[in-house]
C-alpha atoms as a PDB file:
ATOM      1  CA  MET A   1       7.119 -24.116 -12.073  1.00  0.00           C
ATOM      2  CA  LYS A   2       7.616 -21.177  -9.719  1.00  0.00           C
ATOM      3  CA  TYR A   3       4.843 -18.694  -8.974  1.00  0.00           C
ATOM      4  CA  TYR A   4       5.048 -15.037  -8.012  1.00  0.00           C
ATOM      5  CA  LYS A   5       3.004 -13.554  -5.203  1.00  0.00           C
ATOM      6  CA  ARG A   6       0.765 -11.185  -7.174  1.00  0.00           C
ATOM      7  CA  VAL A   7      -0.599  -7.849  -5.980  1.00  0.00           C
ATOM      8  CA  LEU A   8      -2.817  -5.489  -7.974  1.00  0.00           C
ATOM      9  CA  THR A   9      -3.006  -1.804  -7.114  1.00  0.00           C
ATOM     10  CA  ILE A  10      -6.045   0.197  -8.225  1.00  0.00           C
ATOM     11  CA  ALA A  11      -5.052   3.833  -7.757  1.00  0.00           C
ATOM     12  CA  GLY A  12      -4.005   7.152  -9.269  1.00  0.00           C
ATOM     13  CA  SER A  13      -0.667   7.896 -10.921  1.00  0.00           C
ATOM     14  CA  ASP A  14       1.903  10.268  -9.370  1.00  0.00           C
ATOM     15  CA  PRO A  15       4.416  11.562 -11.932  1.00  0.00           C
ATOM     16  CA  SER A  16       6.842  12.607  -9.187  1.00  0.00           C
ATOM     17  CA  GLY A  17       7.167   8.960  -8.150  1.00  0.00           C
ATOM     18  CA  GLY A  18       6.564   9.335  -4.410  1.00  0.00           C
ATOM     19  CA  ALA A  19       2.936   8.282  -4.041  1.00  0.00           C
ATOM     20  CA  GLY A  20       0.111   6.538  -5.892  1.00  0.00           C
ATOM     21  CA  ILE A  21       0.755   3.768  -8.401  1.00  0.00           C
ATOM     22  CA  GLN A  22       4.474   4.503  -8.489  1.00  0.00           C
ATOM     23  CA  ALA A  23       4.891   4.137  -4.712  1.00  0.00           C
ATOM     24  CA  ASP A  24       2.691   1.039  -4.725  1.00  0.00           C
ATOM     25  CA  LEU A  25       4.758  -0.766  -7.364  1.00  0.00           C
ATOM     26  CA  LYS A  26       8.038   0.152  -5.661  1.00  0.00           C
ATOM     27  CA  THR A  27       6.720  -1.160  -2.349  1.00  0.00           C
ATOM     28  CA  MET A  28       5.426  -4.403  -3.843  1.00  0.00           C
ATOM     29  CA  SER A  29       8.774  -5.012  -5.539  1.00  0.00           C
ATOM     30  CA  ALA A  30      10.667  -4.310  -2.304  1.00  0.00           C
ATOM     31  CA  CYS A  31       8.354  -6.737  -0.484  1.00  0.00           C
ATOM     32  CA  ALA A  32       9.033  -9.546  -2.991  1.00  0.00           C
ATOM     33  CA  CYS A  33       5.767  -9.382  -4.915  1.00  0.00           C
ATOM     34  CA  PHE A  34       4.863  -9.043  -8.590  1.00  0.00           C
ATOM     35  CA  GLY A  35       3.056  -5.707  -8.809  1.00  0.00           C
ATOM     36  CA  MET A  36       0.324  -4.878 -11.316  1.00  0.00           C
ATOM     37  CA  SER A  37      -1.751  -1.726 -11.745  1.00  0.00           C
ATOM     38  CA  ALA A  38      -5.109  -0.380 -12.844  1.00  0.00           C
ATOM     39  CA  ILE A  39      -4.797   3.405 -13.108  1.00  0.00           C
ATOM     40  CA  THR A  40      -7.865   5.371 -11.994  1.00  0.00           C
ATOM     41  CA  ALA A  41      -6.580   8.888 -12.674  1.00  0.00           C
ATOM     42  CA  VAL A  42      -3.542  10.684 -13.998  1.00  0.00           C
ATOM     43  CA  VAL A  43      -2.636  13.219 -11.318  1.00  0.00           C
ATOM     44  CA  ASP A  44      -0.544  16.303 -12.068  1.00  0.00           C
ATOM     45  CA  GLU A  45       1.463  16.623  -8.859  1.00  0.00           C
ATOM     46  CA  ASN A  46       4.922  16.898  -7.355  1.00  0.00           C
ATOM     47  CA  THR A  47       6.390  17.214  -3.848  1.00  0.00           C
ATOM     48  CA  ILE A  48       4.792  20.656  -3.446  1.00  0.00           C
ATOM     49  CA  GLY A  49       1.176  19.943  -4.334  1.00  0.00           C
ATOM     50  CA  VAL A  50      -1.511  18.712  -6.705  1.00  0.00           C
ATOM     51  CA  MET A  51      -2.074  20.836  -9.801  1.00  0.00           C
ATOM     52  CA  GLY A  52      -4.803  18.729 -11.412  1.00  0.00           C
ATOM     53  CA  VAL A  53      -6.555  15.380 -11.665  1.00  0.00           C
ATOM     54  CA  HIS A  54      -7.446  13.809 -15.023  1.00  0.00           C
ATOM     55  CA  PRO A  55      -9.850  10.896 -14.460  1.00  0.00           C
ATOM     56  CA  VAL A  56      -9.473   7.745 -16.543  1.00  0.00           C
ATOM     57  CA  PRO A  57     -12.871   6.762 -18.039  1.00  0.00           C
ATOM     58  CA  VAL A  58     -14.687   4.399 -15.681  1.00  0.00           C
ATOM     59  CA  ALA A  59     -15.193   1.659 -18.275  1.00  0.00           C
ATOM     60  CA  PHE A  60     -11.470   1.752 -19.040  1.00  0.00           C
ATOM     61  CA  VAL A  61     -10.616   1.310 -15.346  1.00  0.00           C
ATOM     62  CA  GLN A  62     -12.916  -1.707 -15.236  1.00  0.00           C
ATOM     63  CA  GLY A  63     -11.224  -3.023 -18.368  1.00  0.00           C
ATOM     64  CA  GLN A  64      -7.791  -2.809 -16.748  1.00  0.00           C
ATOM     65  CA  ILE A  65      -9.023  -4.705 -13.678  1.00  0.00           C
ATOM     66  CA  HIS A  66     -10.641  -7.442 -15.744  1.00  0.00           C
ATOM     67  CA  SER A  67      -7.625  -7.759 -18.050  1.00  0.00           C
ATOM     68  CA  VAL A  68      -5.262  -8.327 -15.128  1.00  0.00           C
ATOM     69  CA  LEU A  69      -7.451 -10.533 -12.955  1.00  0.00           C
ATOM     70  CA  SER A  70      -8.865 -12.717 -15.746  1.00  0.00           C
ATOM     71  CA  ASP A  71      -5.375 -13.516 -16.997  1.00  0.00           C
ATOM     72  CA  ILE A  72      -2.874 -13.283 -14.131  1.00  0.00           C
ATOM     73  CA  GLY A  73      -5.086 -13.161 -11.040  1.00  0.00           C
ATOM     74  CA  ALA A  74      -4.030 -11.676  -7.700  1.00  0.00           C
ATOM     75  CA  ASP A  75      -3.229 -12.818  -4.185  1.00  0.00           C
ATOM     76  CA  ALA A  76      -4.100  -9.355  -2.872  1.00  0.00           C
ATOM     77  CA  VAL A  77      -5.583  -6.107  -4.154  1.00  0.00           C
ATOM     78  CA  LYS A  78      -4.718  -2.680  -2.786  1.00  0.00           C
ATOM     79  CA  ILE A  79      -7.192   0.130  -3.584  1.00  0.00           C
ATOM     80  CA  GLY A  80      -6.130   3.748  -3.368  1.00  0.00           C
ATOM     81  CA  MET A  81      -7.459   6.910  -4.993  1.00  0.00           C
ATOM     82  CA  LEU A  82     -11.050   6.597  -6.246  1.00  0.00           C
ATOM     83  CA  HIS A  83     -12.171  10.156  -6.888  1.00  0.00           C
ATOM     84  CA  SER A  84     -15.888   9.703  -7.707  1.00  0.00           C
ATOM     85  CA  ALA A  85     -18.945   7.697  -6.652  1.00  0.00           C
ATOM     86  CA  GLU A  86     -19.291   6.335 -10.197  1.00  0.00           C
ATOM     87  CA  LEU A  87     -15.747   4.973 -10.073  1.00  0.00           C
ATOM     88  CA  ILE A  88     -16.213   3.462  -6.606  1.00  0.00           C
ATOM     89  CA  LEU A  89     -19.266   1.527  -7.809  1.00  0.00           C
ATOM     90  CA  ALA A  90     -17.439   0.429 -10.955  1.00  0.00           C
ATOM     91  CA  VAL A  91     -14.486  -0.939  -8.976  1.00  0.00           C
ATOM     92  CA  LYS A  92     -16.898  -2.740  -6.646  1.00  0.00           C
ATOM     93  CA  GLN A  93     -18.632  -4.301  -9.640  1.00  0.00           C
ATOM     94  CA  ALA A  94     -15.368  -5.319 -11.324  1.00  0.00           C
ATOM     95  CA  LEU A  95     -13.982  -7.010  -8.191  1.00  0.00           C
ATOM     96  CA  ALA A  96     -17.232  -8.893  -7.578  1.00  0.00           C
ATOM     97  CA  SER A  97     -16.317 -11.353 -10.346  1.00  0.00           C
ATOM     98  CA  TYR A  98     -13.138 -12.468  -8.547  1.00  0.00           C
ATOM     99  CA  PRO A  99     -13.097 -14.138  -5.102  1.00  0.00           C
ATOM    100  CA  ILE A 100     -10.061 -12.363  -3.636  1.00  0.00           C
ATOM    101  CA  ARG A 101      -9.953 -12.318   0.162  1.00  0.00           C
ATOM    102  CA  ASN A 102      -7.099  -9.861   0.652  1.00  0.00           C
ATOM    103  CA  LEU A 103      -8.748  -6.570  -0.302  1.00  0.00           C
ATOM    104  CA  ILE A 104      -7.012  -3.573   1.278  1.00  0.00           C
ATOM    105  CA  LEU A 105      -8.421  -0.043   1.034  1.00  0.00           C
ATOM    106  CA  ASP A 106      -6.426   3.092   1.701  1.00  0.00           C
ATOM    107  CA  PRO A 107      -9.277   5.648   1.730  1.00  0.00           C
ATOM    108  CA  VAL A 108      -7.286   8.397  -0.001  1.00  0.00           C
ATOM    109  CA  MET A 109      -9.065  11.728   0.407  1.00  0.00           C
ATOM    110  CA  VAL A 110      -6.353  14.327   0.949  1.00  0.00           C
ATOM    111  CA  ALA A 111      -2.770  14.432  -0.364  1.00  0.00           C
ATOM    112  CA  THR A 112       0.209  14.989   1.963  1.00  0.00           C
ATOM    113  CA  SER A 113       0.275  18.559   0.622  1.00  0.00           C
ATOM    114  CA  GLY A 114      -3.301  19.088   1.855  1.00  0.00           C
ATOM    115  CA  ASP A 115      -4.901  18.989  -1.589  1.00  0.00           C
ATOM    116  CA  LYS A 116      -8.280  17.258  -1.819  1.00  0.00           C
ATOM    117  CA  LEU A 117      -8.447  14.093  -3.936  1.00  0.00           C
ATOM    118  CA  LEU A 118     -12.002  12.811  -3.385  1.00  0.00           C
ATOM    119  CA  GLN A 119     -15.274  14.451  -4.415  1.00  0.00           C
ATOM    120  CA  ASP A 120     -17.638  15.181  -1.500  1.00  0.00           C
ATOM    121  CA  GLU A 121     -20.464  13.092  -2.936  1.00  0.00           C
ATOM    122  CA  ALA A 122     -18.162  10.070  -3.152  1.00  0.00           C
ATOM    123  CA  ILE A 123     -17.517   9.860   0.591  1.00  0.00           C
ATOM    124  CA  GLY A 124     -20.844   8.215   1.470  1.00  0.00           C
ATOM    125  CA  CYS A 125     -20.477   5.817  -1.450  1.00  0.00           C
ATOM    126  CA  LEU A 126     -17.011   4.769  -0.278  1.00  0.00           C
ATOM    127  CA  ARG A 127     -18.271   4.266   3.272  1.00  0.00           C
ATOM    128  CA  ASN A 128     -21.420   2.358   2.374  1.00  0.00           C
ATOM    129  CA  GLU A 129     -20.551   0.463  -0.811  1.00  0.00           C
ATOM    130  CA  LEU A 130     -16.838  -0.390  -0.777  1.00  0.00           C
ATOM    131  CA  ILE A 131     -15.547  -0.405   2.801  1.00  0.00           C
ATOM    132  CA  PRO A 132     -17.872  -3.256   3.933  1.00  0.00           C
ATOM    133  CA  LEU A 133     -16.280  -5.534   1.291  1.00  0.00           C
ATOM    134  CA  MET A 134     -12.698  -4.976   2.453  1.00  0.00           C
ATOM    135  CA  ARG A 135     -10.552  -7.198   4.654  1.00  0.00           C
ATOM    136  CA  VAL A 136      -8.602  -4.174   5.990  1.00  0.00           C
ATOM    137  CA  ILE A 137      -8.864  -0.392   5.677  1.00  0.00           C
ATOM    138  CA  THR A 138      -5.946   1.920   6.547  1.00  0.00           C
ATOM    139  CA  PRO A 139      -7.243   5.454   7.260  1.00  0.00           C
ATOM    140  CA  ASN A 140      -5.208   8.235   8.804  1.00  0.00           C
ATOM    141  CA  ILE A 141      -6.836  10.582  11.309  1.00  0.00           C
ATOM    142  CA  PRO A 142      -8.163  13.191   8.815  1.00  0.00           C
ATOM    143  CA  GLU A 143      -9.677  10.369   6.717  1.00  0.00           C
ATOM    144  CA  ALA A 144     -11.226   8.756   9.787  1.00  0.00           C
ATOM    145  CA  GLU A 145     -12.705  12.129  10.764  1.00  0.00           C
ATOM    146  CA  ILE A 146     -14.281  12.504   7.325  1.00  0.00           C
ATOM    147  CA  LEU A 147     -15.675   8.946   7.340  1.00  0.00           C
ATOM    148  CA  LEU A 148     -17.156   9.313  10.829  1.00  0.00           C
ATOM    149  CA  GLY A 149     -18.070  13.011  10.702  1.00  0.00           C
ATOM    150  CA  GLU A 150     -16.378  13.731  14.035  1.00  0.00           C
ATOM    151  CA  LYS A 151     -13.108  15.209  15.293  1.00  0.00           C
ATOM    152  CA  ILE A 152     -10.338  13.077  16.794  1.00  0.00           C
ATOM    153  CA  SER A 153      -8.094  14.965  19.187  1.00  0.00           C
ATOM    154  CA  SER A 154      -6.173  12.432  21.276  1.00  0.00           C
ATOM    155  CA  GLN A 155      -4.420   9.072  21.219  1.00  0.00           C
ATOM    156  CA  LYS A 156      -6.851   7.544  23.708  1.00  0.00           C
ATOM    157  CA  GLU A 157      -9.742   7.930  21.252  1.00  0.00           C
ATOM    158  CA  LEU A 158      -8.155   5.760  18.551  1.00  0.00           C
ATOM    159  CA  PRO A 159      -9.293   2.289  19.747  1.00  0.00           C
ATOM    160  CA  ARG A 160     -12.906   3.474  19.909  1.00  0.00           C
ATOM    161  CA  VAL A 161     -12.658   5.114  16.487  1.00  0.00           C
ATOM    162  CA  ALA A 162     -11.058   2.032  14.900  1.00  0.00           C
ATOM    163  CA  LYS A 163     -13.846  -0.190  16.179  1.00  0.00           C
ATOM    164  CA  LYS A 164     -16.472   2.317  15.034  1.00  0.00           C
ATOM    165  CA  LEU A 165     -15.033   2.205  11.503  1.00  0.00           C
ATOM    166  CA  SER A 166     -15.147  -1.617  11.380  1.00  0.00           C
ATOM    167  CA  CYS A 167     -18.680  -1.978   9.953  1.00  0.00           C
ATOM    168  CA  ASP A 168     -19.974  -3.679  13.107  1.00  0.00           C
ATOM    169  CA  GLY A 169     -16.878  -5.806  13.518  1.00  0.00           C
ATOM    170  CA  LYS A 170     -16.705  -7.078   9.933  1.00  0.00           C
ATOM    171  CA  VAL A 171     -13.737  -5.068   8.584  1.00  0.00           C
ATOM    172  CA  SER A 172     -10.313  -4.784  10.221  1.00  0.00           C
ATOM    173  CA  VAL A 173      -9.011  -1.241  10.690  1.00  0.00           C
ATOM    174  CA  LEU A 174      -5.419   0.023  10.848  1.00  0.00           C
ATOM    175  CA  LEU A 175      -5.783   3.579  12.157  1.00  0.00           C
ATOM    176  CA  LYS A 176      -2.634   5.682  11.742  1.00  0.00           C
ATOM    177  CA  ALA A 177      -1.658   8.197  14.423  1.00  0.00           C
ATOM    178  CA  GLY A 178       0.831  10.283  12.411  1.00  0.00           C
ATOM    179  CA  HIS A 179      -1.316  13.434  12.418  1.00  0.00           C
ATOM    180  CA  LEU A 180      -1.276  13.655  16.233  1.00  0.00           C
ATOM    181  CA  LYS A 181       1.330  15.883  17.914  1.00  0.00           C
ATOM    182  CA  GLU A 182       2.989  13.443  20.328  1.00  0.00           C
ATOM    183  CA  GLU A 183       6.596  12.328  19.829  1.00  0.00           C
ATOM    184  CA  GLU A 184       5.576   8.765  20.700  1.00  0.00           C
ATOM    185  CA  LEU A 185       3.017   7.675  18.104  1.00  0.00           C
ATOM    186  CA  THR A 186       0.839   4.604  18.534  1.00  0.00           C
ATOM    187  CA  ASP A 187      -1.091   3.342  15.543  1.00  0.00           C
ATOM    188  CA  VAL A 188      -3.927   1.002  16.517  1.00  0.00           C
ATOM    189  CA  PHE A 189      -5.072  -2.093  14.677  1.00  0.00           C
ATOM    190  CA  TYR A 190      -8.512  -3.541  15.274  1.00  0.00           C
ATOM    191  CA  ASN A 191      -8.499  -7.146  14.058  1.00  0.00           C
ATOM    192  CA  ALA A 192     -12.143  -7.809  13.257  1.00  0.00           C
ATOM    193  CA  GLU A 193     -11.410 -11.494  12.672  1.00  0.00           C
ATOM    194  CA  THR A 194     -10.278 -12.076  16.253  1.00  0.00           C
ATOM    195  CA  ASP A 195     -11.942  -9.049  17.925  1.00  0.00           C
ATOM    196  CA  GLU A 196      -8.635  -7.823  19.354  1.00  0.00           C
ATOM    197  CA  MET A 197      -6.950  -4.433  19.479  1.00  0.00           C
ATOM    198  CA  LEU A 198      -3.204  -4.124  18.813  1.00  0.00           C
ATOM    199  CA  ASN A 199      -1.087  -1.122  19.724  1.00  0.00           C
ATOM    200  CA  LEU A 200       1.758  -0.379  17.289  1.00  0.00           C
ATOM    201  CA  PRO A 201       4.023   2.204  18.952  1.00  0.00           C
ATOM    202  CA  SER A 202       6.887   4.043  17.267  1.00  0.00           C
ATOM    203  CA  LYS A 203       8.859   7.241  17.782  1.00  0.00           C
ATOM    204  CA  ARG A 204       8.130  10.156  15.475  1.00  0.00           C
ATOM    205  CA  ILE A 205      10.768  10.578  12.776  1.00  0.00           C
ATOM    206  CA  PHE A 206      11.357  14.264  12.111  1.00  0.00           C
ATOM    207  CA  THR A 207      11.535  14.703   8.345  1.00  0.00           C
ATOM    208  CA  ARG A 208       9.730  16.425   5.468  1.00  0.00           C
ATOM    209  CA  ASN A 209      10.000  13.235   3.411  1.00  0.00           C
ATOM    210  CA  THR A 210       6.582  11.723   4.093  1.00  0.00           C
ATOM    211  CA  HIS A 211       5.032  11.893   0.622  1.00  0.00           C
ATOM    212  CA  GLY A 212       3.245   8.619  -0.135  1.00  0.00           C
ATOM    213  CA  THR A 213       3.492   7.018   3.312  1.00  0.00           C
ATOM    214  CA  GLY A 214      -0.158   5.945   3.239  1.00  0.00           C
ATOM    215  CA  CYS A 215       0.187   4.385  -0.210  1.00  0.00           C
ATOM    216  CA  THR A 216       3.356   2.639   0.913  1.00  0.00           C
ATOM    217  CA  LEU A 217       1.830   1.226   4.106  1.00  0.00           C
ATOM    218  CA  SER A 218      -1.289  -0.174   2.423  1.00  0.00           C
ATOM    219  CA  SER A 219       0.784  -1.680  -0.401  1.00  0.00           C
ATOM    220  CA  ALA A 220       3.188  -3.280   2.082  1.00  0.00           C
ATOM    221  CA  LEU A 221       0.234  -4.744   3.978  1.00  0.00           C
ATOM    222  CA  ALA A 222      -1.259  -6.139   0.769  1.00  0.00           C
ATOM    223  CA  SER A 223       2.134  -7.619  -0.118  1.00  0.00           C
ATOM    224  CA  PHE A 224       2.626  -9.354   3.224  1.00  0.00           C
ATOM    225  CA  LEU A 225      -0.917 -10.728   3.094  1.00  0.00           C
ATOM    226  CA  ALA A 226      -0.170 -12.014  -0.417  1.00  0.00           C
ATOM    227  CA  HIS A 227       2.693 -13.933   1.219  1.00  0.00           C
ATOM    228  CA  ASP A 228       0.084 -15.634   3.453  1.00  0.00           C
ATOM    229  CA  LEU A 229       1.210 -14.037   6.707  1.00  0.00           C
ATOM    230  CA  PRO A 230      -1.350 -14.041   9.543  1.00  0.00           C
ATOM    231  CA  LEU A 231      -3.175 -10.727   9.696  1.00  0.00           C
ATOM    232  CA  ASN A 232      -1.504  -9.369  12.851  1.00  0.00           C
ATOM    233  CA  ASP A 233       1.953 -10.354  11.580  1.00  0.00           C
ATOM    234  CA  ALA A 234       1.308  -8.740   8.190  1.00  0.00           C
ATOM    235  CA  VAL A 235       0.293  -5.485   9.909  1.00  0.00           C
ATOM    236  CA  ARG A 236       3.414  -5.491  12.097  1.00  0.00           C
ATOM    237  CA  GLN A 237       5.657  -6.202   9.101  1.00  0.00           C
ATOM    238  CA  ALA A 238       4.015  -3.451   7.038  1.00  0.00           C
ATOM    239  CA  LYS A 239       4.388  -0.932   9.863  1.00  0.00           C
ATOM    240  CA  GLY A 240       8.050  -1.926  10.281  1.00  0.00           C
ATOM    241  CA  TYR A 241       8.739  -1.585   6.562  1.00  0.00           C
ATOM    242  CA  VAL A 242       7.254   1.917   6.396  1.00  0.00           C
ATOM    243  CA  ASN A 243       9.091   3.083   9.510  1.00  0.00           C
ATOM    244  CA  GLN A 244      12.403   1.920   8.066  1.00  0.00           C
ATOM    245  CA  ALA A 245      11.606   3.481   4.665  1.00  0.00           C
ATOM    246  CA  ILE A 246      10.942   6.830   6.396  1.00  0.00           C
ATOM    247  CA  LEU A 247      14.035   6.506   8.595  1.00  0.00           C
ATOM    248  CA  HIS A 248      16.373   5.687   5.714  1.00  0.00           C
ATOM    249  CA  GLY A 249      14.878   8.408   3.507  1.00  0.00           C
ATOM    250  CA  LYS A 250      14.785  11.222   6.052  1.00  0.00           C
ATOM    251  CA  ASP A 251      18.149  12.775   5.156  1.00  0.00           C
ATOM    252  CA  TYR A 252      17.703  12.816   1.380  1.00  0.00           C
ATOM    253  CA  GLU A 253      16.834  16.046  -0.408  1.00  0.00           C
ATOM    254  CA  ILE A 254      14.519  15.609  -3.387  1.00  0.00           C
ATOM    255  CA  GLY A 255      12.027  18.207  -4.561  1.00  0.00           C
ATOM    256  CA  LYS A 256      11.042  21.448  -2.840  1.00  0.00           C
ATOM    257  CA  GLY A 257       8.247  20.062  -0.660  1.00  0.00           C
ATOM    258  CA  HIS A 258       7.439  16.707   0.942  1.00  0.00           C
ATOM    259  CA  GLY A 259       9.911  14.215  -0.494  1.00  0.00           C
ATOM    260  CA  PRO A 260       9.352  10.447  -0.757  1.00  0.00           C
ATOM    261  CA  VAL A 261      10.356   7.646   1.585  1.00  0.00           C
ATOM    262  CA  HIS A 262      13.201   5.275   0.638  1.00  0.00           C
ATOM    263  CA  HIS A 263      11.326   2.248  -0.713  1.00  0.00           C
ATOM    264  CA  PHE A 264      14.489   0.275  -1.493  1.00  0.00           C
ATOM    265  CA  TYR A 265      16.449   0.922   1.718  1.00  0.00           C
ATOM    266  CA  GLN A 266      17.125  -2.833   2.014  1.00  0.00           C
ATOM    267  CA  PHE A 267      18.968  -2.844  -1.308  1.00  0.00           C
ATOM    268  CA  TRP A 268      20.842   0.469  -1.626  1.00  0.00           C
ATOM    269  CA  GLU A 269      21.599   3.697   0.221  1.00  0.00           C
END
């Protein structure tokens, strides 16, 4: 018998298809994985902004997680939008029953449009209860600033910040530099398992089509880890996939705001 590489995403739904569950499942498919989902919230949004968030009842989210993992299982789990402290604790409790090493958290707090997606009281819960259980977290600069309670103004600060976010060297951190102003962007990856810092340079791609890049990156990383790649290799592959998805999607026009990346650039133009 053949077996799929299985990845579960626990996140919110984006009806416009560029971010959230929809971006996650597209990414997992493009990266040769069988994608599954537990939806935490139904978000009313498009390329322009977020109009509303309708939370899925916490017990129902737990039910989705248990239904998938007790039957199919997972080689990796990607966690995205968790809007409340109650939900964060529920997801922590649900995952505790399943010994999955590849837990990836994209600490979604603000949408590409600038709209807030996480309640203030949930920030400490995310930092103290869920992040320490992860193998990798993938914050951008605004998310890192919120988690640390300090401003980040330059590229040279990123290695220090990544290490500071690592829960005393227990959690690996992929810190994304996209919100800085330089044309040459260097994401940094602190590998807590080997205590090494990797620089991941790339040139800025000038485009409005950046909706869902964080969801896409974390899902690609989960997918490559599900394929048993070493951690550093999985990070490099995920970064490469996202860069190419942005590059191939930059000239498309879709929506009136921030359009999506091209998740299936390897298969069609």
